[in-house]
N, C-alpha and C. Protein backbone atom coordinates (compact mmCIF):
# COMPACT_ATOMS: atom_id res chain seq x y z
N MET A 1 -134.36 5.67 34.47
CA MET A 1 -134.53 7.06 34.17
C MET A 1 -134.96 7.20 32.70
N LYS A 2 -135.93 8.05 32.46
CA LYS A 2 -136.38 8.28 31.10
C LYS A 2 -135.41 9.21 30.39
N GLU A 3 -135.52 9.24 29.06
CA GLU A 3 -134.62 10.08 28.26
C GLU A 3 -134.80 11.56 28.59
N THR A 4 -136.02 12.00 28.89
CA THR A 4 -136.26 13.41 29.18
C THR A 4 -135.79 13.82 30.57
N GLU A 5 -135.57 12.86 31.44
CA GLU A 5 -135.16 13.15 32.81
C GLU A 5 -133.66 13.03 33.05
N ARG A 6 -132.90 12.68 32.04
CA ARG A 6 -131.48 12.46 32.26
C ARG A 6 -130.75 13.78 32.51
N VAL A 7 -129.68 13.72 33.24
CA VAL A 7 -128.88 14.89 33.56
C VAL A 7 -127.84 15.07 32.46
N LEU A 8 -127.67 16.30 32.03
CA LEU A 8 -126.70 16.57 30.97
C LEU A 8 -125.29 16.48 31.51
N ASP A 9 -124.43 15.88 30.73
CA ASP A 9 -123.01 15.83 31.08
C ASP A 9 -122.40 17.21 30.86
N ALA A 10 -121.22 17.42 31.37
CA ALA A 10 -120.53 18.70 31.22
C ALA A 10 -120.28 19.02 29.75
N ALA A 11 -120.05 18.03 28.93
CA ALA A 11 -119.78 18.26 27.51
C ALA A 11 -121.05 18.63 26.76
N GLU A 12 -122.21 18.25 27.29
CA GLU A 12 -123.48 18.51 26.61
C GLU A 12 -124.15 19.82 27.05
N ARG A 13 -123.70 20.39 28.15
CA ARG A 13 -124.33 21.60 28.66
C ARG A 13 -124.05 22.78 27.73
N PRO A 14 -125.08 23.58 27.45
CA PRO A 14 -124.81 24.77 26.64
C PRO A 14 -124.00 25.78 27.43
N GLU A 15 -123.06 26.39 26.75
CA GLU A 15 -122.20 27.35 27.42
C GLU A 15 -122.88 28.70 27.43
N GLY A 16 -122.98 29.34 28.57
CA GLY A 16 -123.61 30.64 28.68
C GLY A 16 -122.64 31.76 28.36
N LEU A 17 -123.11 32.96 28.56
CA LEU A 17 -122.30 34.13 28.33
C LEU A 17 -121.31 34.27 29.48
N LYS A 18 -120.04 34.35 29.15
CA LYS A 18 -119.00 34.47 30.17
C LYS A 18 -119.05 35.88 30.76
N PRO A 19 -118.65 36.05 32.02
CA PRO A 19 -118.70 37.38 32.64
C PRO A 19 -117.89 38.43 31.89
N CYS A 20 -116.74 38.07 31.36
CA CYS A 20 -115.94 39.06 30.64
C CYS A 20 -116.61 39.45 29.33
N ASP A 21 -117.33 38.51 28.67
CA ASP A 21 -118.07 38.83 27.46
C ASP A 21 -119.25 39.74 27.77
N ALA A 22 -119.93 39.47 28.89
CA ALA A 22 -121.05 40.31 29.29
C ALA A 22 -120.59 41.73 29.59
N LEU A 23 -119.46 41.86 30.27
CA LEU A 23 -118.92 43.17 30.58
C LEU A 23 -118.55 43.92 29.31
N ALA A 24 -117.93 43.24 28.36
CA ALA A 24 -117.58 43.87 27.09
C ALA A 24 -118.83 44.32 26.34
N LEU A 25 -119.88 43.52 26.38
CA LEU A 25 -121.13 43.86 25.71
C LEU A 25 -121.78 45.09 26.36
N VAL A 26 -121.77 45.15 27.68
CA VAL A 26 -122.34 46.30 28.40
C VAL A 26 -121.53 47.56 28.11
N LEU A 27 -120.21 47.46 28.15
CA LEU A 27 -119.38 48.62 27.86
C LEU A 27 -119.57 49.12 26.44
N PHE A 28 -119.70 48.22 25.50
CA PHE A 28 -119.96 48.60 24.11
C PHE A 28 -121.30 49.31 23.98
N GLY A 29 -122.32 48.77 24.64
CA GLY A 29 -123.64 49.38 24.60
C GLY A 29 -123.67 50.76 25.23
N VAL A 30 -123.02 50.91 26.37
CA VAL A 30 -122.97 52.21 27.05
C VAL A 30 -122.22 53.22 26.20
N THR A 31 -121.12 52.79 25.58
CA THR A 31 -120.37 53.68 24.71
C THR A 31 -121.19 54.11 23.50
N LEU A 32 -121.85 53.15 22.88
CA LEU A 32 -122.64 53.44 21.69
C LEU A 32 -123.82 54.35 22.01
N LEU A 33 -124.53 54.08 23.09
CA LEU A 33 -125.69 54.88 23.44
C LEU A 33 -125.29 56.22 24.08
N GLY A 34 -124.11 56.29 24.67
CA GLY A 34 -123.70 57.50 25.36
C GLY A 34 -123.03 58.53 24.48
N MET A 35 -122.72 58.16 23.24
CA MET A 35 -122.07 59.12 22.35
C MET A 35 -123.04 60.26 22.04
N GLY A 36 -122.59 61.48 22.21
CA GLY A 36 -123.42 62.63 21.90
C GLY A 36 -124.23 63.15 23.08
N LEU A 37 -124.29 62.40 24.16
CA LEU A 37 -125.01 62.90 25.33
C LEU A 37 -124.21 64.05 25.93
N GLY A 38 -124.89 65.07 26.35
CA GLY A 38 -124.21 66.21 26.94
C GLY A 38 -123.78 67.24 25.93
N SER A 39 -124.05 67.00 24.66
CA SER A 39 -123.70 68.00 23.66
C SER A 39 -124.71 69.14 23.74
N ALA A 40 -124.32 70.29 23.29
CA ALA A 40 -125.15 71.48 23.40
C ALA A 40 -125.99 71.68 22.15
N ARG A 41 -126.38 70.62 21.49
CA ARG A 41 -127.16 70.72 20.25
C ARG A 41 -128.59 71.13 20.59
N VAL A 42 -129.12 72.06 19.84
CA VAL A 42 -130.47 72.56 20.03
C VAL A 42 -131.29 72.18 18.80
N LEU A 43 -132.61 72.04 18.97
CA LEU A 43 -133.46 71.74 17.84
C LEU A 43 -133.39 72.85 16.80
N THR A 44 -133.31 72.46 15.56
CA THR A 44 -133.35 73.46 14.50
C THR A 44 -134.81 73.78 14.19
N TYR A 45 -135.03 74.77 13.36
CA TYR A 45 -136.39 75.18 13.02
C TYR A 45 -137.15 74.03 12.37
N HIS A 46 -136.48 73.28 11.50
CA HIS A 46 -137.11 72.17 10.81
C HIS A 46 -137.58 71.10 11.80
N GLU A 47 -136.76 70.76 12.77
CA GLU A 47 -137.12 69.74 13.75
C GLU A 47 -138.24 70.23 14.66
N ALA A 48 -138.26 71.52 14.96
CA ALA A 48 -139.32 72.06 15.80
C ALA A 48 -140.67 71.98 15.11
N ASN A 49 -140.68 72.03 13.78
CA ASN A 49 -141.94 71.91 13.05
C ASN A 49 -142.59 70.56 13.25
N PHE A 50 -141.80 69.54 13.53
CA PHE A 50 -142.35 68.21 13.79
C PHE A 50 -142.62 68.00 15.28
N ALA A 51 -141.86 68.64 16.13
CA ALA A 51 -142.01 68.44 17.57
C ALA A 51 -143.23 69.17 18.13
N GLN A 52 -143.53 70.36 17.63
CA GLN A 52 -144.63 71.15 18.18
C GLN A 52 -145.99 70.48 17.99
N PRO A 53 -146.36 69.97 16.81
CA PRO A 53 -147.65 69.28 16.71
C PRO A 53 -147.74 68.05 17.61
N ALA A 54 -146.66 67.32 17.76
CA ALA A 54 -146.68 66.16 18.65
C ALA A 54 -146.88 66.60 20.10
N ARG A 55 -146.24 67.69 20.48
CA ARG A 55 -146.40 68.22 21.84
C ARG A 55 -147.84 68.65 22.08
N GLU A 56 -148.45 69.32 21.10
CA GLU A 56 -149.83 69.76 21.26
C GLU A 56 -150.81 68.59 21.24
N MET A 57 -150.49 67.52 20.52
CA MET A 57 -151.34 66.32 20.56
C MET A 57 -151.37 65.74 21.96
N VAL A 58 -150.23 65.69 22.61
CA VAL A 58 -150.16 65.16 23.97
C VAL A 58 -150.90 66.07 24.94
N MET A 59 -150.74 67.37 24.79
CA MET A 59 -151.37 68.32 25.71
C MET A 59 -152.89 68.34 25.57
N THR A 60 -153.42 68.29 24.33
CA THR A 60 -154.87 68.38 24.13
C THR A 60 -155.56 67.03 24.14
N GLY A 61 -154.84 65.96 23.86
CA GLY A 61 -155.45 64.64 23.79
C GLY A 61 -156.10 64.37 22.44
N ASP A 62 -156.03 65.30 21.51
CA ASP A 62 -156.57 65.12 20.17
C ASP A 62 -155.50 64.47 19.29
N TRP A 63 -155.63 63.16 19.05
CA TRP A 63 -154.61 62.41 18.34
C TRP A 63 -154.88 62.34 16.84
N LEU A 64 -156.00 62.92 16.36
CA LEU A 64 -156.34 62.80 14.95
C LEU A 64 -155.92 64.00 14.11
N ILE A 65 -156.01 65.20 14.68
CA ILE A 65 -155.71 66.41 13.91
C ILE A 65 -154.49 67.08 14.52
N PRO A 66 -153.37 67.09 13.81
CA PRO A 66 -152.19 67.80 14.34
C PRO A 66 -152.42 69.30 14.30
N ARG A 67 -151.97 69.99 15.33
CA ARG A 67 -152.15 71.43 15.43
C ARG A 67 -150.81 72.09 15.73
N THR A 68 -150.64 73.29 15.18
CA THR A 68 -149.48 74.11 15.47
C THR A 68 -150.00 75.45 15.95
N ILE A 69 -149.66 75.80 17.17
CA ILE A 69 -150.12 77.02 17.83
C ILE A 69 -151.65 77.08 17.80
N GLY A 70 -152.29 75.95 18.04
CA GLY A 70 -153.74 75.87 18.11
C GLY A 70 -154.46 75.79 16.78
N GLN A 71 -153.79 75.98 15.67
CA GLN A 71 -154.41 75.94 14.35
C GLN A 71 -154.22 74.56 13.73
N PRO A 72 -155.27 74.00 13.11
CA PRO A 72 -155.12 72.68 12.47
C PRO A 72 -154.05 72.72 11.38
N ASN A 73 -153.21 71.73 11.38
CA ASN A 73 -152.12 71.62 10.41
C ASN A 73 -152.50 70.52 9.42
N THR A 74 -153.36 70.85 8.46
CA THR A 74 -153.89 69.85 7.53
C THR A 74 -153.32 69.96 6.12
N HIS A 75 -152.35 70.81 5.89
CA HIS A 75 -151.82 70.96 4.54
C HIS A 75 -150.86 69.85 4.13
N ASN A 76 -150.39 69.04 5.07
CA ASN A 76 -149.52 67.91 4.75
C ASN A 76 -150.31 66.62 4.85
N PRO A 77 -150.02 65.64 3.99
CA PRO A 77 -150.70 64.35 4.12
C PRO A 77 -150.23 63.62 5.37
N PRO A 78 -151.10 62.80 5.97
CA PRO A 78 -150.72 62.12 7.20
C PRO A 78 -149.64 61.04 6.99
N LEU A 79 -149.57 60.48 5.78
CA LEU A 79 -148.57 59.46 5.46
C LEU A 79 -147.78 59.89 4.24
N PRO A 80 -146.53 59.49 4.16
CA PRO A 80 -145.73 59.85 2.98
C PRO A 80 -146.35 59.28 1.71
N THR A 81 -146.34 60.07 0.66
CA THR A 81 -146.91 59.62 -0.62
C THR A 81 -145.83 59.66 -1.69
N GLY A 82 -144.98 58.65 -1.68
CA GLY A 82 -143.92 58.42 -2.62
C GLY A 82 -143.47 59.52 -3.39
């Protein structure tokens, strides 16, 4: 038998994720991602200013010029300028 074809002994086998560890990881993830779901939080005016142009970009298919209520929103730079 060649070195690459040998069977690993029990001591040499890598240990996988145990079922109880996997369950703990899933529960932690569900808890972390589920916090805040179902809350009655509504978008504030500030957040709506960013959501509306993105919504109109999707609706019109124009990905270059952001628009708010159909009007070009060009007074802000496209990228943050320190």
